[in-house]
Amino acid sequence: MLLILQAIIIEILRFITVVGVFFTWMWIAAFLKMKVERGIKWIGNQIRKRRNVNSVHKKRQK
């Protein structure tokens, strides 16, 4: 009887550990995705600013 209880407890703990690790990885992945998306937007904005500056210079030359 005790062995069965021990086995059940070990299985439950293993399941909790797996779920915990999975959720931790999902959270890390979501966090990184957010960072990457923000980084891409920032780079896009920098490029857009540079393009706008270039177009302004071209207009002035005319």
PDB file of N, CA and C in Angstrom:
ATOM      1  N   MET A   1       0.835  -1.208   0.000  1.00  0.00           N
ATOM      2  CA  MET A   1       0.000   0.000   0.000  1.00  0.00           C
ATOM      3  C   MET A   1       0.868   1.256   0.000  1.00  0.00           C
ATOM      4  N   LEU A   2       1.886   1.277   0.847  1.00  0.00           N
ATOM      5  CA  LEU A   2       2.765   2.446   0.947  1.00  0.00           C
ATOM      6  C   LEU A   2       3.511   2.667  -0.367  1.00  0.00           C
ATOM      7  N   LEU A   3       3.967   1.550  -0.976  1.00  0.00           N
ATOM      8  CA  LEU A   3       4.689   1.659  -2.245  1.00  0.00           C
ATOM      9  C   LEU A   3       3.800   2.269  -3.329  1.00  0.00           C
ATOM     10  N   ILE A   4       2.539   1.870  -3.347  1.00  0.00           N
ATOM     11  CA  ILE A   4       1.600   2.396  -4.353  1.00  0.00           C
ATOM     12  C   ILE A   4       1.439   3.906  -4.155  1.00  0.00           C
ATOM     13  N   LEU A   5       1.262   4.313  -2.894  1.00  0.00           N
ATOM     14  CA  LEU A   5       1.125   5.750  -2.590  1.00  0.00           C
ATOM     15  C   LEU A   5       2.376   6.505  -3.016  1.00  0.00           C
ATOM     16  N   GLN A   6       3.538   5.935  -2.702  1.00  0.00           N
ATOM     17  CA  GLN A   6       4.806   6.562  -3.074  1.00  0.00           C
ATOM     18  C   GLN A   6       4.893   6.728  -4.593  1.00  0.00           C
ATOM     19  N   ALA A   7       4.526   5.666  -5.309  1.00  0.00           N
ATOM     20  CA  ALA A   7       4.573   5.698  -6.769  1.00  0.00           C
ATOM     21  C   ALA A   7       3.638   6.785  -7.312  1.00  0.00           C
ATOM     22  N   ILE A   8       2.440   6.870  -6.737  1.00  0.00           N
ATOM     23  CA  ILE A   8       1.473   7.888  -7.179  1.00  0.00           C
ATOM     24  C   ILE A   8       2.028   9.292  -6.930  1.00  0.00           C
ATOM     25  N   ILE A   9       2.602   9.492  -5.726  1.00  0.00           N
ATOM     26  CA  ILE A   9       3.156  10.804  -5.373  1.00  0.00           C
ATOM     27  C   ILE A   9       4.286  11.166  -6.328  1.00  0.00           C
ATOM     28  N   ILE A  10       5.163  10.205  -6.634  1.00  0.00           N
ATOM     29  CA  ILE A  10       6.288  10.447  -7.543  1.00  0.00           C
ATOM     30  C   ILE A  10       5.763  10.828  -8.929  1.00  0.00           C
ATOM     31  N   GLU A  11       4.746  10.100  -9.396  1.00  0.00           N
ATOM     32  CA  GLU A  11       4.156  10.403 -10.714  1.00  0.00           C
ATOM     33  C   GLU A  11       3.568  11.806 -10.737  1.00  0.00           C
ATOM     34  N   ILE A  12       2.838  12.171  -9.676  1.00  0.00           N
ATOM     35  CA  ILE A  12       2.238  13.512  -9.599  1.00  0.00           C
ATOM     36  C   ILE A  12       3.334  14.575  -9.613  1.00  0.00           C
ATOM     37  N   LEU A  13       4.386  14.353  -8.819  1.00  0.00           N
ATOM     38  CA  LEU A  13       5.494  15.313  -8.763  1.00  0.00           C
ATOM     39  C   LEU A  13       6.163  15.445 -10.130  1.00  0.00           C
ATOM     40  N   ARG A  14       6.354  14.311 -10.799  1.00  0.00           N
ATOM     41  CA  ARG A  14       6.973  14.327 -12.124  1.00  0.00           C
ATOM     42  C   ARG A  14       6.106  15.139 -13.090  1.00  0.00           C
ATOM     43  N   PHE A  15       4.786  14.903 -13.029  1.00  0.00           N
ATOM     44  CA  PHE A  15       3.838  15.613 -13.893  1.00  0.00           C
ATOM     45  C   PHE A  15       3.903  17.120 -13.633  1.00  0.00           C
ATOM     46  N   ILE A  16       3.905  17.498 -12.336  1.00  0.00           N
ATOM     47  CA  ILE A  16       3.980  18.918 -11.960  1.00  0.00           C
ATOM     48  C   ILE A  16       5.283  19.523 -12.486  1.00  0.00           C
ATOM     49  N   THR A  17       6.370  18.777 -12.341  1.00  0.00           N
ATOM     50  CA  THR A  17       7.671  19.264 -12.809  1.00  0.00           C
ATOM     51  C   THR A  17       7.644  19.503 -14.316  1.00  0.00           C
ATOM     52  N   VAL A  18       7.110  18.538 -15.053  1.00  0.00           N
ATOM     53  CA  VAL A  18       7.043  18.654 -16.518  1.00  0.00           C
ATOM     54  C   VAL A  18       6.206  19.868 -16.911  1.00  0.00           C
ATOM     55  N   VAL A  19       5.029  20.004 -16.282  1.00  0.00           N
ATOM     56  CA  VAL A  19       4.140  21.139 -16.580  1.00  0.00           C
ATOM     57  C   VAL A  19       4.839  22.458 -16.227  1.00  0.00           C
ATOM     58  N   GLY A  20       5.500  22.479 -15.076  1.00  0.00           N
ATOM     59  CA  GLY A  20       6.211  23.686 -14.633  1.00  0.00           C
ATOM     60  C   GLY A  20       7.297  24.080 -15.621  1.00  0.00           C
ATOM     61  N   VAL A  21       8.097  23.105 -16.028  1.00  0.00           N
ATOM     62  CA  VAL A  21       9.167  23.376 -16.997  1.00  0.00           C
ATOM     63  C   VAL A  21       8.562  23.870 -18.302  1.00  0.00           C
ATOM     64  N   PHE A  22       7.488  23.223 -18.757  1.00  0.00           N
ATOM     65  CA  PHE A  22       6.821  23.606 -20.008  1.00  0.00           C
ATOM     66  C   PHE A  22       6.341  25.051 -19.943  1.00  0.00           C
ATOM     67  N   PHE A  23       5.651  25.393 -18.840  1.00  0.00           N
ATOM     68  CA  PHE A  23       5.130  26.763 -18.705  1.00  0.00           C
ATOM     69  C   PHE A  23       6.266  27.772 -18.606  1.00  0.00           C
ATOM     70  N   THR A  24       7.341  27.394 -17.898  1.00  0.00           N
ATOM     71  CA  THR A  24       8.503  28.286 -17.793  1.00  0.00           C
ATOM     72  C   THR A  24       9.067  28.561 -19.176  1.00  0.00           C
ATOM     73  N   TRP A  25       9.229  27.516 -19.989  1.00  0.00           N
ATOM     74  CA  TRP A  25       9.754  27.687 -21.344  1.00  0.00           C
ATOM     75  C   TRP A  25       8.812  28.525 -22.200  1.00  0.00           C
ATOM     76  N   MET A  26       7.480  28.301 -22.058  1.00  0.00           N
ATOM     77  CA  MET A  26       6.507  29.089 -22.817  1.00  0.00           C
ATOM     78  C   MET A  26       6.633  30.560 -22.444  1.00  0.00           C
ATOM     79  N   TRP A  27       6.791  30.826 -21.148  1.00  0.00           N
ATOM     80  CA  TRP A  27       6.908  32.203 -20.661  1.00  0.00           C
ATOM     81  C   TRP A  27       8.170  32.846 -21.213  1.00  0.00           C
ATOM     82  N   ILE A  28       9.290  32.103 -21.153  1.00  0.00           N
ATOM     83  CA  ILE A  28      10.563  32.614 -21.679  1.00  0.00           C
ATOM     84  C   ILE A  28      10.420  32.890 -23.179  1.00  0.00           C
ATOM     85  N   ALA A  29       9.803  31.948 -23.906  1.00  0.00           N
ATOM     86  CA  ALA A  29       9.630  32.103 -25.353  1.00  0.00           C
ATOM     87  C   ALA A  29       8.781  33.336 -25.665  1.00  0.00           C
ATOM     88  N   ALA A  30       7.697  33.522 -24.917  1.00  0.00           N
ATOM     89  CA  ALA A  30       6.822  34.686 -25.133  1.00  0.00           C
ATOM     90  C   ALA A  30       7.583  35.970 -24.846  1.00  0.00           C
ATOM     91  N   PHE A  31       8.375  35.965 -23.776  1.00  0.00           N
ATOM     92  CA  PHE A  31       9.157  37.148 -23.392  1.00  0.00           C
ATOM     93  C   PHE A  31      10.169  37.490 -24.482  1.00  0.00           C
ATOM     94  N   LEU A  32      10.884  36.470 -24.971  1.00  0.00           N
ATOM     95  CA  LEU A  32      11.877  36.684 -26.028  1.00  0.00           C
ATOM     96  C   LEU A  32      11.199  37.181 -27.304  1.00  0.00           C
ATOM     97  N   LYS A  33      10.041  36.592 -27.629  1.00  0.00           N
ATOM     98  CA  LYS A  33       9.304  36.993 -28.825  1.00  0.00           C
ATOM     99  C   LYS A  33       8.947  38.473 -28.750  1.00  0.00           C
ATOM    100  N   MET A  34       8.473  38.891 -27.568  1.00  0.00           N
ATOM    101  CA  MET A  34       8.121  40.292 -27.358  1.00  0.00           C
ATOM    102  C   MET A  34       9.350  41.182 -27.563  1.00  0.00           C
ATOM    103  N   LYS A  35      10.473  40.780 -26.960  1.00  0.00           N
ATOM    104  CA  LYS A  35      11.719  41.546 -27.089  1.00  0.00           C
ATOM    105  C   LYS A  35      12.137  41.649 -28.549  1.00  0.00           C
ATOM    106  N   VAL A  36      12.086  40.508 -29.255  1.00  0.00           N
ATOM    107  CA  VAL A  36      12.507  40.466 -30.660  1.00  0.00           C
ATOM    108  C   VAL A  36      11.598  41.354 -31.506  1.00  0.00           C
ATOM    109  N   GLU A  37      10.280  41.253 -31.272  1.00  0.00           N
ATOM    110  CA  GLU A  37       9.335  42.071 -32.034  1.00  0.00           C
ATOM    111  C   GLU A  37       9.595  43.553 -31.798  1.00  0.00           C
ATOM    112  N   ARG A  38       9.844  43.913 -30.528  1.00  0.00           N
ATOM    113  CA  ARG A  38      10.125  45.310 -30.199  1.00  0.00           C
ATOM    114  C   ARG A  38      11.417  45.747 -30.883  1.00  0.00           C
ATOM    115  N   GLY A  39      12.416  44.856 -30.874  1.00  0.00           N
ATOM    116  CA  GLY A  39      13.694  45.146 -31.532  1.00  0.00           C
ATOM    117  C   GLY A  39      13.508  45.353 -33.024  1.00  0.00           C
ATOM    118  N   ILE A  40      12.698  44.507 -33.653  1.00  0.00           N
ATOM    119  CA  ILE A  40      12.447  44.627 -35.090  1.00  0.00           C
ATOM    120  C   ILE A  40      11.745  45.948 -35.386  1.00  0.00           C
ATOM    121  N   LYS A  41      10.745  46.287 -34.559  1.00  0.00           N
ATOM    122  CA  LYS A  41      10.040  47.559 -34.740  1.00  0.00           C
ATOM    123  C   LYS A  41      11.010  48.717 -34.612  1.00  0.00           C
ATOM    124  N   TRP A  42      11.899  48.650 -33.598  1.00  0.00           N
ATOM    125  CA  TRP A  42      12.869  49.716 -33.357  1.00  0.00           C
ATOM    126  C   TRP A  42      13.789  49.865 -34.565  1.00  0.00           C
ATOM    127  N   ILE A  43      14.287  48.737 -35.083  1.00  0.00           N
ATOM    128  CA  ILE A  43      15.167  48.770 -36.263  1.00  0.00           C
ATOM    129  C   ILE A  43      14.397  49.350 -37.448  1.00  0.00           C
ATOM    130  N   GLY A  44      13.146  48.919 -37.613  1.00  0.00           N
ATOM    131  CA  GLY A  44      12.306  49.445 -38.696  1.00  0.00           C
ATOM    132  C   GLY A  44      12.140  50.952 -38.585  1.00  0.00           C
ATOM    133  N   ASN A  45      11.925  51.439 -37.373  1.00  0.00           N
ATOM    134  CA  ASN A  45      11.785  52.877 -37.153  1.00  0.00           C
ATOM    135  C   ASN A  45      13.076  53.612 -37.484  1.00  0.00           C
ATOM    136  N   GLN A  46      14.205  53.030 -37.094  1.00  0.00           N
ATOM    137  CA  GLN A  46      15.500  53.659 -37.392  1.00  0.00           C
ATOM    138  C   GLN A  46      15.687  53.779 -38.899  1.00  0.00           C
ATOM    139  N   ILE A  47      15.375  52.687 -39.637  1.00  0.00           N
ATOM    140  CA  ILE A  47      15.518  52.690 -41.095  1.00  0.00           C
ATOM    141  C   ILE A  47      14.578  53.728 -41.699  1.00  0.00           C
ATOM    142  N   ARG A  48      13.349  53.768 -41.187  1.00  0.00           N
ATOM    143  CA  ARG A  48      12.355  54.713 -41.701  1.00  0.00           C
ATOM    144  C   ARG A  48      12.832  56.150 -41.474  1.00  0.00           C
ATOM    145  N   LYS A  49      13.386  56.425 -40.303  1.00  0.00           N
ATOM    146  CA  LYS A  49      13.907  57.765 -40.003  1.00  0.00           C
ATOM    147  C   LYS A  49      15.015  58.128 -40.990  1.00  0.00           C
ATOM    148  N   ARG A  50      15.925  57.182 -41.215  1.00  0.00           N
ATOM    149  CA  ARG A  50      17.036  57.443 -42.146  1.00  0.00           C
ATOM    150  C   ARG A  50      16.503  57.729 -43.538  1.00  0.00           C
ATOM    151  N   ARG A  51      15.514  56.939 -43.978  1.00  0.00           N
ATOM    152  CA  ARG A  51      14.930  57.141 -45.307  1.00  0.00           C
ATOM    153  C   ARG A  51      14.284  58.507 -45.401  1.00  0.00           C
ATOM    154  N   ASN A  52      13.561  58.902 -44.342  1.00  0.00           N
ATOM    155  CA  ASN A  52      12.907  60.206 -44.333  1.00  0.00           C
ATOM    156  C   ASN A  52      13.947  61.324 -44.430  1.00  0.00           C
ATOM    157  N   VAL A  53      15.035  61.160 -43.692  1.00  0.00           N
ATOM    158  CA  VAL A  53      16.114  62.155 -43.729  1.00  0.00           C
ATOM    159  C   VAL A  53      16.670  62.247 -45.143  1.00  0.00           C
ATOM    160  N   ASN A  54      16.898  61.101 -45.785  1.00  0.00           N
ATOM    161  CA  ASN A  54      17.436  61.091 -47.143  1.00  0.00           C
ATOM    162  C   ASN A  54      16.477  61.768 -48.124  1.00  0.00           C
ATOM    163  N   SER A  55      15.184  61.486 -47.993  1.00  0.00           N
ATOM    164  CA  SER A  55      14.221  62.063 -48.906  1.00  0.00           C
ATOM    165  C   SER A  55      14.153  63.585 -48.697  1.00  0.00           C
ATOM    166  N   VAL A  56      14.287  64.039 -47.456  1.00  0.00           N
ATOM    167  CA  VAL A  56      14.284  65.487 -47.174  1.00  0.00           C
ATOM    168  C   VAL A  56      15.489  66.131 -47.841  1.00  0.00           C
ATOM    169  N   HIS A  57      16.661  65.491 -47.745  1.00  0.00           N
ATOM    170  CA  HIS A  57      17.866  66.037 -48.378  1.00  0.00           C
ATOM    171  C   HIS A  57      17.691  66.124 -49.889  1.00  0.00           C
ATOM    172  N   LYS A  58      17.080  65.093 -50.480  1.00  0.00           N
ATOM    173  CA  LYS A  58      16.868  65.094 -51.928  1.00  0.00           C
ATOM    174  C   LYS A  58      15.944  66.248 -52.341  1.00  0.00           C
ATOM    175  N   LYS A  59      14.908  66.478 -51.560  1.00  0.00           N
ATOM    176  CA  LYS A  59      13.982  67.572 -51.862  1.00  0.00           C
ATOM    177  C   LYS A  59      14.701  68.911 -51.798  1.00  0.00           C
ATOM    178  N   ARG A  60      15.575  69.083 -50.821  1.00  0.00           N
ATOM    179  CA  ARG A  60      16.312  70.344 -50.665  1.00  0.00           C
ATOM    180  C   ARG A  60      17.227  70.573 -51.881  1.00  0.00           C
ATOM    181  N   GLN A  61      17.833  69.495 -52.398  1.00  0.00           N
ATOM    182  CA  GLN A  61      18.753  69.631 -53.524  1.00  0.00           C
ATOM    183  C   GLN A  61      18.033  70.165 -54.769  1.00  0.00           C
ATOM    184  N   LYS A  62      16.757  69.743 -54.947  1.00  0.00           N
ATOM    185  CA  LYS A  62      15.979  70.243 -56.085  1.00  0.00           C
ATOM    186  C   LYS A  62      15.652  71.705 -55.844  1.00  0.00           C
TER     187      LYS A  62
END
